[in-house]
Amino acid sequence: MDENALARWRTAGIIASAVIVLTMPVYAVKENLARSRTRPQDSGVARFVGRQSCVECHEAAYDAWRGSDHDNAMDVASDSTVRGDFDDAYFEFGDITARFYRRDGKFFV
């Protein structure tokens, strides 16, 4: 093989290596951008987004849940929403005893 042919092969090898090495970070950046477009941005703070944000995609499940015991369990505890006996009541199960009581207008177990 003459010198020119060897130089061309060497140049082709360097170019091919550069393409392979440079393709990996470009691919990683492209994938990262694609992922960030498909998922909601996280503000780092958990917050309640409201029940209405679920209805659009989950209407049937929302309709079944609305007004159920699970829906009502998420209400703020008050005299009109708490159904249990919190007048210094006790519940025993095995070796565990729980006391249901109120203090300063709040409900405790």
PDB file of N, CA and C in Angstrom:
ATOM      1  N   MET A   1       0.853  -1.156   0.000  1.00  0.00           N
ATOM      2  CA  MET A   1       0.000   0.000   0.000  1.00  0.00           C
ATOM      3  C   MET A   1       0.905   1.226   0.000  1.00  0.00           C
ATOM      4  N   ASP A   2       0.582   2.182  -0.871  1.00  0.00           N
ATOM      5  CA  ASP A   2       1.437   3.377  -0.935  1.00  0.00           C
ATOM      6  C   ASP A   2       1.084   4.347   0.180  1.00  0.00           C
ATOM      7  N   GLU A   3       1.894   5.371   0.355  1.00  0.00           N
ATOM      8  CA  GLU A   3       1.721   6.364   1.431  1.00  0.00           C
ATOM      9  C   GLU A   3       0.418   7.131   1.336  1.00  0.00           C
ATOM     10  N   ASN A   4      -0.017   7.481   0.141  1.00  0.00           N
ATOM     11  CA  ASN A   4      -1.274   8.224  -0.030  1.00  0.00           C
ATOM     12  C   ASN A   4      -2.467   7.395   0.428  1.00  0.00           C
ATOM     13  N   ALA A   5      -2.480   6.133   0.061  1.00  0.00           N
ATOM     14  CA  ALA A   5      -3.575   5.258   0.470  1.00  0.00           C
ATOM     15  C   ALA A   5      -3.597   5.101   1.987  1.00  0.00           C
ATOM     16  N   LEU A   6      -2.436   4.937   2.586  1.00  0.00           N
ATOM     17  CA  LEU A   6      -2.342   4.808   4.034  1.00  0.00           C
ATOM     18  C   LEU A   6      -2.805   6.091   4.730  1.00  0.00           C
ATOM     19  N   ALA A   7      -2.447   7.252   4.182  1.00  0.00           N
ATOM     20  CA  ALA A   7      -2.868   8.535   4.746  1.00  0.00           C
ATOM     21  C   ALA A   7      -4.384   8.701   4.637  1.00  0.00           C
ATOM     22  N   ARG A   8      -4.945   8.257   3.514  1.00  0.00           N
ATOM     23  CA  ARG A   8      -6.404   8.352   3.347  1.00  0.00           C
ATOM     24  C   ARG A   8      -7.125   7.457   4.364  1.00  0.00           C
ATOM     25  N   TRP A   9      -6.620   6.237   4.575  1.00  0.00           N
ATOM     26  CA  TRP A   9      -7.219   5.341   5.561  1.00  0.00           C
ATOM     27  C   TRP A   9      -7.110   5.916   6.970  1.00  0.00           C
ATOM     28  N   ARG A  10      -5.980   6.494   7.269  1.00  0.00           N
ATOM     29  CA  ARG A  10      -5.771   7.093   8.578  1.00  0.00           C
ATOM     30  C   ARG A  10      -6.755   8.253   8.773  1.00  0.00           C
ATOM     31  N   THR A  11      -6.904   9.100   7.768  1.00  0.00           N
ATOM     32  CA  THR A  11      -7.840  10.234   7.830  1.00  0.00           C
ATOM     33  C   THR A  11      -9.277   9.730   7.974  1.00  0.00           C
ATOM     34  N   ALA A  12      -9.633   8.709   7.196  1.00  0.00           N
ATOM     35  CA  ALA A  12     -10.980   8.140   7.295  1.00  0.00           C
ATOM     36  C   ALA A  12     -11.229   7.575   8.697  1.00  0.00           C
ATOM     37  N   GLY A  13     -10.227   6.925   9.274  1.00  0.00           N
ATOM     38  CA  GLY A  13     -10.354   6.372  10.621  1.00  0.00           C
ATOM     39  C   GLY A  13     -10.540   7.458  11.670  1.00  0.00           C
ATOM     40  N   ILE A  14      -9.802   8.555  11.522  1.00  0.00           N
ATOM     41  CA  ILE A  14      -9.923   9.672  12.469  1.00  0.00           C
ATOM     42  C   ILE A  14     -11.312  10.311  12.353  1.00  0.00           C
ATOM     43  N   ILE A  15     -11.784  10.508  11.126  1.00  0.00           N
ATOM     44  CA  ILE A  15     -13.116  11.097  10.918  1.00  0.00           C
ATOM     45  C   ILE A  15     -14.198  10.180  11.481  1.00  0.00           C
ATOM     46  N   ALA A  16     -14.102   8.880  11.197  1.00  0.00           N
ATOM     47  CA  ALA A  16     -15.096   7.929  11.713  1.00  0.00           C
ATOM     48  C   ALA A  16     -15.092   7.915  13.238  1.00  0.00           C
ATOM     49  N   SER A  17     -13.924   7.941  13.848  1.00  0.00           N
ATOM     50  CA  SER A  17     -13.832   7.970  15.313  1.00  0.00           C
ATOM     51  C   SER A  17     -14.447   9.241  15.874  1.00  0.00           C
ATOM     52  N   ALA A  18     -14.180  10.376  15.231  1.00  0.00           N
ATOM     53  CA  ALA A  18     -14.741  11.655  15.683  1.00  0.00           C
ATOM     54  C   ALA A  18     -16.259  11.644  15.586  1.00  0.00           C
ATOM     55  N   VAL A  19     -16.789  11.101  14.490  1.00  0.00           N
ATOM     56  CA  VAL A  19     -18.247  11.025  14.328  1.00  0.00           C
ATOM     57  C   VAL A  19     -18.858  10.173  15.432  1.00  0.00           C
ATOM     58  N   ILE A  20     -18.262   9.035  15.717  1.00  0.00           N
ATOM     59  CA  ILE A  20     -18.784   8.146  16.764  1.00  0.00           C
ATOM     60  C   ILE A  20     -18.732   8.833  18.124  1.00  0.00           C
ATOM     61  N   VAL A  21     -17.607   9.443  18.447  1.00  0.00           N
ATOM     62  CA  VAL A  21     -17.446  10.088  19.751  1.00  0.00           C
ATOM     63  C   VAL A  21     -18.382  11.283  19.895  1.00  0.00           C
ATOM     64  N   LEU A  22     -18.548  12.071  18.852  1.00  0.00           N
ATOM     65  CA  LEU A  22     -19.399  13.265  18.933  1.00  0.00           C
ATOM     66  C   LEU A  22     -20.884  12.937  18.850  1.00  0.00           C
ATOM     67  N   THR A  23     -21.236  11.794  18.303  1.00  0.00           N
ATOM     68  CA  THR A  23     -22.641  11.409  18.190  1.00  0.00           C
ATOM     69  C   THR A  23     -23.251  11.103  19.553  1.00  0.00           C
ATOM     70  N   MET A  24     -22.490  10.522  20.456  1.00  0.00           N
ATOM     71  CA  MET A  24     -23.031  10.131  21.766  1.00  0.00           C
ATOM     72  C   MET A  24     -23.540  11.334  22.569  1.00  0.00           C
ATOM     73  N   PRO A  25     -22.785  12.416  22.759  1.00  0.00           N
ATOM     74  CA  PRO A  25     -23.344  13.537  23.516  1.00  0.00           C
ATOM     75  C   PRO A  25     -24.502  14.223  22.786  1.00  0.00           C
ATOM     76  N   VAL A  26     -24.448  14.275  21.456  1.00  0.00           N
ATOM     77  CA  VAL A  26     -25.554  14.878  20.701  1.00  0.00           C
ATOM     78  C   VAL A  26     -26.819  14.058  20.919  1.00  0.00           C
ATOM     79  N   TYR A  27     -26.717  12.733  20.895  1.00  0.00           N
ATOM     80  CA  TYR A  27     -27.856  11.861  21.135  1.00  0.00           C
ATOM     81  C   TYR A  27     -28.395  12.047  22.560  1.00  0.00           C
ATOM     82  N   ALA A  28     -27.507  12.137  23.533  1.00  0.00           N
ATOM     83  CA  ALA A  28     -27.923  12.320  24.929  1.00  0.00           C
ATOM     84  C   ALA A  28     -28.674  13.636  25.102  1.00  0.00           C
ATOM     85  N   VAL A  29     -28.193  14.707  24.488  1.00  0.00           N
ATOM     86  CA  VAL A  29     -28.874  16.007  24.578  1.00  0.00           C
ATOM     87  C   VAL A  29     -30.242  15.924  23.918  1.00  0.00           C
ATOM     88  N   LYS A  30     -30.319  15.282  22.762  1.00  0.00           N
ATOM     89  CA  LYS A  30     -31.595  15.129  22.048  1.00  0.00           C
ATOM     90  C   LYS A  30     -32.600  14.350  22.899  1.00  0.00           C
ATOM     91  N   GLU A  31     -32.179  13.250  23.509  1.00  0.00           N
ATOM     92  CA  GLU A  31     -33.064  12.451  24.352  1.00  0.00           C
ATOM     93  C   GLU A  31     -33.528  13.239  25.575  1.00  0.00           C
ATOM     94  N   ASN A  32     -32.634  13.987  26.171  1.00  0.00           N
ATOM     95  CA  ASN A  32     -32.983  14.788  27.342  1.00  0.00           C
ATOM     96  C   ASN A  32     -34.023  15.843  26.977  1.00  0.00           C
ATOM     97  N   LEU A  33     -33.863  16.486  25.845  1.00  0.00           N
ATOM     98  CA  LEU A  33     -34.838  17.475  25.398  1.00  0.00           C
ATOM     99  C   LEU A  33     -36.186  16.833  25.128  1.00  0.00           C
ATOM    100  N   ALA A  34     -36.179  15.658  24.504  1.00  0.00           N
ATOM    101  CA  ALA A  34     -37.432  14.960  24.211  1.00  0.00           C
ATOM    102  C   ALA A  34     -38.146  14.578  25.498  1.00  0.00           C
ATOM    103  N   ARG A  35     -37.410  14.091  26.513  1.00  0.00           N
ATOM    104  CA  ARG A  35     -38.019  13.725  27.788  1.00  0.00           C
ATOM    105  C   ARG A  35     -38.583  14.932  28.510  1.00  0.00           C
ATOM    106  N   SER A  36     -37.883  16.058  28.460  1.00  0.00           N
ATOM    107  CA  SER A  36     -38.355  17.239  29.181  1.00  0.00           C
ATOM    108  C   SER A  36     -39.605  17.823  28.549  1.00  0.00           C
ATOM    109  N   ARG A  37     -39.835  17.549  27.270  1.00  0.00           N
ATOM    110  CA  ARG A  37     -41.048  18.047  26.607  1.00  0.00           C
ATOM    111  C   ARG A  37     -42.258  17.195  26.926  1.00  0.00           C
ATOM    112  N   THR A  38     -42.053  15.927  27.287  1.00  0.00           N
ATOM    113  CA  THR A  38     -43.174  15.022  27.503  1.00  0.00           C
ATOM    114  C   THR A  38     -43.584  14.895  28.960  1.00  0.00           C
ATOM    115  N   ARG A  39     -42.808  15.376  29.904  1.00  0.00           N
ATOM    116  CA  ARG A  39     -43.193  15.270  31.307  1.00  0.00           C
ATOM    117  C   ARG A  39     -43.361  16.661  31.898  1.00  0.00           C
ATOM    118  N   PRO A  40     -44.261  16.776  32.865  1.00  0.00           N
ATOM    119  CA  PRO A  40     -44.470  18.093  33.483  1.00  0.00           C
ATOM    120  C   PRO A  40     -43.219  18.562  34.219  1.00  0.00           C
ATOM    121  N   GLN A  41     -43.018  19.827  34.232  1.00  0.00           N
ATOM    122  CA  GLN A  41     -41.870  20.391  34.933  1.00  0.00           C
ATOM    123  C   GLN A  41     -42.119  20.323  36.429  1.00  0.00           C
ATOM    124  N   ASP A  42     -41.139  19.861  37.153  1.00  0.00           N
ATOM    125  CA  ASP A  42     -41.226  19.726  38.597  1.00  0.00           C
ATOM    126  C   ASP A  42     -40.686  20.992  39.241  1.00  0.00           C
ATOM    127  N   SER A  43     -41.547  21.665  39.978  1.00  0.00           N
ATOM    128  CA  SER A  43     -41.113  22.887  40.642  1.00  0.00           C
ATOM    129  C   SER A  43     -40.326  22.580  41.910  1.00  0.00           C
ATOM    130  N   GLY A  44     -40.270  21.292  42.299  1.00  0.00           N
ATOM    131  CA  GLY A  44     -39.576  20.919  43.513  1.00  0.00           C
ATOM    132  C   GLY A  44     -40.450  21.026  44.749  1.00  0.00           C
ATOM    133  N   VAL A  45     -41.657  21.544  44.590  1.00  0.00           N
ATOM    134  CA  VAL A  45     -42.571  21.706  45.714  1.00  0.00           C
ATOM    135  C   VAL A  45     -43.850  20.930  45.411  1.00  0.00           C
ATOM    136  N   ALA A  46     -44.197  19.999  46.287  1.00  0.00           N
ATOM    137  CA  ALA A  46     -45.443  19.259  46.121  1.00  0.00           C
ATOM    138  C   ALA A  46     -46.603  20.191  46.434  1.00  0.00           C
ATOM    139  N   ARG A  47     -47.603  20.144  45.585  1.00  0.00           N
ATOM    140  CA  ARG A  47     -48.771  20.994  45.826  1.00  0.00           C
ATOM    141  C   ARG A  47     -50.008  20.310  45.285  1.00  0.00           C
ATOM    142  N   PHE A  48     -51.135  20.628  45.861  1.00  0.00           N
ATOM    143  CA  PHE A  48     -52.416  20.084  45.434  1.00  0.00           C
ATOM    144  C   PHE A  48     -52.836  20.788  44.155  1.00  0.00           C
ATOM    145  N   VAL A  49     -53.145  20.023  43.116  1.00  0.00           N
ATOM    146  CA  VAL A  49     -53.497  20.624  41.831  1.00  0.00           C
ATOM    147  C   VAL A  49     -54.996  20.684  41.612  1.00  0.00           C
ATOM    148  N   GLY A  50     -55.752  20.151  42.550  1.00  0.00           N
ATOM    149  CA  GLY A  50     -57.203  20.220  42.444  1.00  0.00           C
ATOM    150  C   GLY A  50     -57.787  19.014  41.735  1.00  0.00           C
ATOM    151  N   ARG A  51     -58.985  18.665  42.126  1.00  0.00           N
ATOM    152  CA  ARG A  51     -59.630  17.485  41.554  1.00  0.00           C
ATOM    153  C   ARG A  51     -60.001  17.683  40.098  1.00  0.00           C
ATOM    154  N   GLN A  52     -60.226  18.920  39.683  1.00  0.00           N
ATOM    155  CA  GLN A  52     -60.625  19.184  38.294  1.00  0.00           C
ATOM    156  C   GLN A  52     -59.529  18.807  37.301  1.00  0.00           C
ATOM    157  N   SER A  53     -58.271  18.821  37.718  1.00  0.00           N
ATOM    158  CA  SER A  53     -57.187  18.480  36.789  1.00  0.00           C
ATOM    159  C   SER A  53     -57.225  17.009  36.397  1.00  0.00           C
ATOM    160  N   CYS A  54     -57.943  16.185  37.142  1.00  0.00           N
ATOM    161  CA  CYS A  54     -58.016  14.746  36.838  1.00  0.00           C
ATOM    162  C   CYS A  54     -59.180  14.403  35.903  1.00  0.00           C
ATOM    163  N   VAL A  55     -60.229  15.207  35.955  1.00  0.00           N
ATOM    164  CA  VAL A  55     -61.472  14.884  35.256  1.00  0.00           C
ATOM    165  C   VAL A  55     -61.274  14.737  33.759  1.00  0.00           C
ATOM    166  N   GLU A  56     -60.468  15.577  33.174  1.00  0.00           N
ATOM    167  CA  GLU A  56     -60.305  15.598  31.722  1.00  0.00           C
ATOM    168  C   GLU A  56     -59.939  14.229  31.153  1.00  0.00           C
ATOM    169  N   CYS A  57     -59.008  13.541  31.805  1.00  0.00           N
ATOM    170  CA  CYS A  57     -58.544  12.238  31.297  1.00  0.00           C
ATOM    171  C   CYS A  57     -59.210  11.050  31.981  1.00  0.00           C
ATOM    172  N   HIS A  58     -59.803  11.261  33.140  1.00  0.00           N
ATOM    173  CA  HIS A  58     -60.310  10.142  33.942  1.00  0.00           C
ATOM    174  C   HIS A  58     -61.751  10.391  34.376  1.00  0.00           C
ATOM    175  N   GLU A  59     -62.597  10.785  33.451  1.00  0.00           N
ATOM    176  CA  GLU A  59     -63.961  11.197  33.799  1.00  0.00           C
ATOM    177  C   GLU A  59     -64.771  10.085  34.460  1.00  0.00           C
ATOM    178  N   ALA A  60     -64.714   8.876  33.918  1.00  0.00           N
ATOM    179  CA  ALA A  60     -65.496   7.773  34.493  1.00  0.00           C
ATOM    180  C   ALA A  60     -65.022   7.447  35.915  1.00  0.00           C
ATOM    181  N   ALA A  61     -63.721   7.392  36.121  1.00  0.00           N
ATOM    182  CA  ALA A  61     -63.185   7.113  37.458  1.00  0.00           C
ATOM    183  C   ALA A  61     -63.537   8.246  38.411  1.00  0.00           C
ATOM    184  N   TYR A  62     -63.465   9.469  37.926  1.00  0.00           N
ATOM    185  CA  TYR A  62     -63.802  10.621  38.768  1.00  0.00           C
ATOM    186  C   TYR A  62     -65.266  10.576  39.182  1.00  0.00           C
ATOM    187  N   ASP A  63     -66.151  10.259  38.228  1.00  0.00           N
ATOM    188  CA  ASP A  63     -67.584  10.196  38.541  1.00  0.00           C
ATOM    189  C   ASP A  63     -67.873   9.113  39.580  1.00  0.00           C
ATOM    190  N   ALA A  64     -67.171   7.978  39.491  1.00  0.00           N
ATOM    191  CA  ALA A  64     -67.366   6.895  40.461  1.00  0.00           C
ATOM    192  C   ALA A  64     -66.815   7.288  41.835  1.00  0.00           C
ATOM    193  N   TRP A  65     -65.744   8.053  41.857  1.00  0.00           N
ATOM    194  CA  TRP A  65     -65.090   8.461  43.111  1.00  0.00           C
ATOM    195  C   TRP A  65     -65.840   9.594  43.806  1.00  0.00           C
ATOM    196  N   ARG A  66     -66.376  10.529  43.023  1.00  0.00           N
ATOM    197  CA  ARG A  66     -67.015  11.732  43.582  1.00  0.00           C
ATOM    198  C   ARG A  66     -68.151  11.347  44.526  1.00  0.00           C
ATOM    199  N   GLY A  67     -68.100  11.850  45.731  1.00  0.00           N
ATOM    200  CA  GLY A  67     -69.120  11.581  46.737  1.00  0.00           C
ATOM    201  C   GLY A  67     -68.926  10.273  47.480  1.00  0.00           C
ATOM    202  N   SER A  68     -67.913   9.486  47.098  1.00  0.00           N
ATOM    203  CA  SER A  68     -67.672   8.200  47.760  1.00  0.00           C
ATOM    204  C   SER A  68     -67.024   8.428  49.130  1.00  0.00           C
ATOM    205  N   ASP A  69     -66.899   7.347  49.898  1.00  0.00           N
ATOM    206  CA  ASP A  69     -66.220   7.452  51.187  1.00  0.00           C
ATOM    207  C   ASP A  69     -64.784   7.932  51.013  1.00  0.00           C
ATOM    208  N   HIS A  70     -64.123   7.500  49.942  1.00  0.00           N
ATOM    209  CA  HIS A  70     -62.740   7.945  49.706  1.00  0.00           C
ATOM    210  C   HIS A  70     -62.694   9.434  49.396  1.00  0.00           C
ATOM    211  N   ASP A  71     -63.643   9.932  48.642  1.00  0.00           N
ATOM    212  CA  ASP A  71     -63.718  11.373  48.367  1.00  0.00           C
ATOM    213  C   ASP A  71     -63.967  12.128  49.664  1.00  0.00           C
ATOM    214  N   ASN A  72     -64.932  11.687  50.429  1.00  0.00           N
ATOM    215  CA  ASN A  72     -65.279  12.375  51.678  1.00  0.00           C
ATOM    216  C   ASN A  72     -64.162  12.283  52.713  1.00  0.00           C
ATOM    217  N   ALA A  73     -63.346  11.245  52.654  1.00  0.00           N
ATOM    218  CA  ALA A  73     -62.243  11.094  53.608  1.00  0.00           C
ATOM    219  C   ALA A  73     -61.200  12.189  53.432  1.00  0.00           C
ATOM    220  N   MET A  74     -61.192  12.850  52.295  1.00  0.00           N
ATOM    221  CA  MET A  74     -60.209  13.906  52.044  1.00  0.00           C
ATOM    222  C   MET A  74     -60.688  15.285  52.512  1.00  0.00           C
ATOM    223  N   ASP A  75     -61.930  15.354  53.014  1.00  0.00           N
ATOM    224  CA  ASP A  75     -62.444  16.639  53.522  1.00  0.00           C
ATOM    225  C   ASP A  75     -61.651  17.098  54.740  1.00  0.00           C
ATOM    226  N   VAL A  76     -61.689  18.374  54.990  1.00  0.00           N
ATOM    227  CA  VAL A  76     -61.097  18.931  56.203  1.00  0.00           C
ATOM    228  C   VAL A  76     -61.940  18.455  57.382  1.00  0.00           C
ATOM    229  N   ALA A  77     -61.274  17.964  58.422  1.00  0.00           N
ATOM    230  CA  ALA A  77     -61.994  17.447  59.587  1.00  0.00           C
ATOM    231  C   ALA A  77     -62.747  18.569  60.282  1.00  0.00           C
ATOM    232  N   SER A  78     -64.061  18.386  60.402  1.00  0.00           N
ATOM    233  CA  SER A  78     -64.920  19.353  61.103  1.00  0.00           C
ATOM    234  C   SER A  78     -66.105  18.587  61.671  1.00  0.00           C
ATOM    235  N   ASP A  79     -66.931  19.274  62.460  1.00  0.00           N
ATOM    236  CA  ASP A  79     -68.106  18.615  63.036  1.00  0.00           C
ATOM    237  C   ASP A  79     -69.029  18.050  61.957  1.00  0.00           C
ATOM    238  N   SER A  80     -69.073  18.698  60.792  1.00  0.00           N
ATOM    239  CA  SER A  80     -69.978  18.230  59.742  1.00  0.00           C
ATOM    240  C   SER A  80     -69.379  17.136  58.856  1.00  0.00           C
ATOM    241  N   THR A  81     -68.069  16.937  58.906  1.00  0.00           N
ATOM    242  CA  THR A  81     -67.458  15.933  58.030  1.00  0.00           C
ATOM    243  C   THR A  81     -66.970  14.692  58.770  1.00  0.00           C
ATOM    244  N   VAL A  82     -66.684  14.799  60.054  1.00  0.00           N
ATOM    245  CA  VAL A  82     -66.187  13.651  60.824  1.00  0.00           C
ATOM    246  C   VAL A  82     -67.372  12.840  61.305  1.00  0.00           C
ATOM    247  N   ARG A  83     -67.352  11.539  61.006  1.00  0.00           N
ATOM    248  CA  ARG A  83     -68.477  10.671  61.370  1.00  0.00           C
ATOM    249  C   ARG A  83     -68.199   9.852  62.627  1.00  0.00           C
ATOM    250  N   GLY A  84     -66.924   9.720  62.993  1.00  0.00           N
ATOM    251  CA  GLY A  84     -66.578   8.903  64.150  1.00  0.00           C
ATOM    252  C   GLY A  84     -66.858   9.594  65.470  1.00  0.00           C
ATOM    253  N   ASP A  85     -66.804   8.807  66.532  1.00  0.00           N
ATOM    254  CA  ASP A  85     -67.022   9.309  67.886  1.00  0.00           C
ATOM    255  C   ASP A  85     -65.684   9.796  68.444  1.00  0.00           C
ATOM    256  N   PHE A  86     -65.532  11.090  68.544  1.00  0.00           N
ATOM    257  CA  PHE A  86     -64.310  11.691  69.073  1.00  0.00           C
ATOM    258  C   PHE A  86     -64.547  12.325  70.445  1.00  0.00           C
ATOM    259  N   ASP A  87     -65.533  11.822  71.171  1.00  0.00           N
ATOM    260  CA  ASP A  87     -65.825  12.324  72.515  1.00  0.00           C
ATOM    261  C   ASP A  87     -65.156  11.419  73.546  1.00  0.00           C
ATOM    262  N   ASP A  88     -63.806  11.366  73.470  1.00  0.00           N
ATOM    263  CA  ASP A  88     -63.002  10.557  74.381  1.00  0.00           C
ATOM    264  C   ASP A  88     -63.377   9.076  74.300  1.00  0.00           C
ATOM    265  N   ALA A  89     -63.549   8.568  73.079  1.00  0.00           N
ATOM    266  CA  ALA A  89     -63.890   7.163  72.852  1.00  0.00           C
ATOM    267  C   ALA A  89     -62.603   6.339  72.727  1.00  0.00           C
ATOM    268  N   TYR A  90     -62.707   5.058  73.081  1.00  0.00           N
ATOM    269  CA  TYR A  90     -61.567   4.157  72.999  1.00  0.00           C
ATOM    270  C   TYR A  90     -61.901   2.996  72.078  1.00  0.00           C
ATOM    271  N   PHE A  91     -60.887   2.530  71.375  1.00  0.00           N
ATOM    272  CA  PHE A  91     -61.038   1.356  70.515  1.00  0.00           C
ATOM    273  C   PHE A  91     -59.879   0.426  70.827  1.00  0.00           C
ATOM    274  N   GLU A  92     -60.190  -0.839  71.079  1.00  0.00           N
ATOM    275  CA  GLU A  92     -59.153  -1.812  71.404  1.00  0.00           C
ATOM    276  C   GLU A  92     -59.124  -2.898  70.346  1.00  0.00           C
ATOM    277  N   PHE A  93     -57.906  -3.268  69.943  1.00  0.00           N
ATOM    278  CA  PHE A  93     -57.712  -4.374  69.015  1.00  0.00           C
ATOM    279  C   PHE A  93     -56.427  -5.074  69.434  1.00  0.00           C
ATOM    280  N   GLY A  94     -56.555  -6.300  69.906  1.00  0.00           N
ATOM    281  CA  GLY A  94     -55.390  -7.025  70.400  1.00  0.00           C
ATOM    282  C   GLY A  94     -54.775  -6.268  71.562  1.00  0.00           C
ATOM    283  N   ASP A  95     -53.488  -5.963  71.473  1.00  0.00           N
ATOM    284  CA  ASP A  95     -52.826  -5.246  72.558  1.00  0.00           C
ATOM    285  C   ASP A  95     -52.708  -3.748  72.263  1.00  0.00           C
ATOM    286  N   ILE A  96     -53.483  -3.258  71.288  1.00  0.00           N
ATOM    287  CA  ILE A  96     -53.447  -1.832  70.932  1.00  0.00           C
ATOM    288  C   ILE A  96     -54.743  -1.169  71.374  1.00  0.00           C
ATOM    289  N   THR A  97     -54.613  -0.035  72.045  1.00  0.00           N
ATOM    290  CA  THR A  97     -55.768   0.767  72.436  1.00  0.00           C
ATOM    291  C   THR A  97     -55.603   2.153  71.834  1.00  0.00           C
ATOM    292  N   ALA A  98     -56.625   2.597  71.098  1.00  0.00           N
ATOM    293  CA  ALA A  98     -56.603   3.925  70.480  1.00  0.00           C
ATOM    294  C   ALA A  98     -57.654   4.796  71.157  1.00  0.00           C
ATOM    295  N   ARG A  99     -57.295   6.020  71.412  1.00  0.00           N
ATOM    296  CA  ARG A  99     -58.210   6.984  72.028  1.00  0.00           C
ATOM    297  C   ARG A  99     -58.590   8.023  70.981  1.00  0.00           C
ATOM    298  N   PHE A 100     -59.875   8.248  70.788  1.00  0.00           N
ATOM    299  CA  PHE A 100     -60.382   9.250  69.854  1.00  0.00           C
ATOM    300  C   PHE A 100     -60.858  10.449  70.677  1.00  0.00           C
ATOM    301  N   TYR A 101     -60.263  11.617  70.435  1.00  0.00           N
ATOM    302  CA  TYR A 101     -60.611  12.775  71.244  1.00  0.00           C
ATOM    303  C   TYR A 101     -60.434  14.064  70.446  1.00  0.00           C
ATOM    304  N   ARG A 102     -60.943  15.166  71.047  1.00  0.00           N
ATOM    305  CA  ARG A 102     -60.790  16.491  70.446  1.00  0.00           C
ATOM    306  C   ARG A 102     -59.992  17.375  71.397  1.00  0.00           C
ATOM    307  N   ARG A 103     -59.225  18.285  70.788  1.00  0.00           N
ATOM    308  CA  ARG A 103     -58.499  19.275  71.571  1.00  0.00           C
ATOM    309  C   ARG A 103     -58.362  20.520  70.717  1.00  0.00           C
ATOM    310  N   ASP A 104     -58.739  21.637  71.260  1.00  0.00           N
ATOM    311  CA  ASP A 104     -58.659  22.929  70.562  1.00  0.00           C
ATOM    312  C   ASP A 104     -59.328  22.889  69.197  1.00  0.00           C
ATOM    313  N   GLY A 105     -60.486  22.227  69.132  1.00  0.00           N
ATOM    314  CA  GLY A 105     -61.250  22.177  67.888  1.00  0.00           C
ATOM    315  C   GLY A 105     -60.698  21.216  66.843  1.00  0.00           C
ATOM    316  N   LYS A 106     -59.683  20.442  67.192  1.00  0.00           N
ATOM    317  CA  LYS A 106     -59.081  19.479  66.251  1.00  0.00           C
ATOM    318  C   LYS A 106     -59.356  18.062  66.721  1.00  0.00           C
ATOM    319  N   PHE A 107     -59.285  17.127  65.768  1.00  0.00           N
ATOM    320  CA  PHE A 107     -59.572  15.730  66.034  1.00  0.00           C
ATOM    321  C   PHE A 107     -58.269  14.932  66.114  1.00  0.00           C
ATOM    322  N   PHE A 108     -58.158  14.056  67.120  1.00  0.00           N
ATOM    323  CA  PHE A 108     -56.941  13.277  67.325  1.00  0.00           C
ATOM    324  C   PHE A 108     -57.281  11.822  67.612  1.00  0.00           C
ATOM    325  N   VAL A 109     -56.363  10.913  67.249  1.00  0.00           N
ATOM    326  CA  VAL A 109     -56.437   9.509  67.608  1.00  0.00           C
ATOM    327  C   VAL A 109     -55.133   9.150  68.274  1.00  0.00           C
TER     328      VAL A 109
END
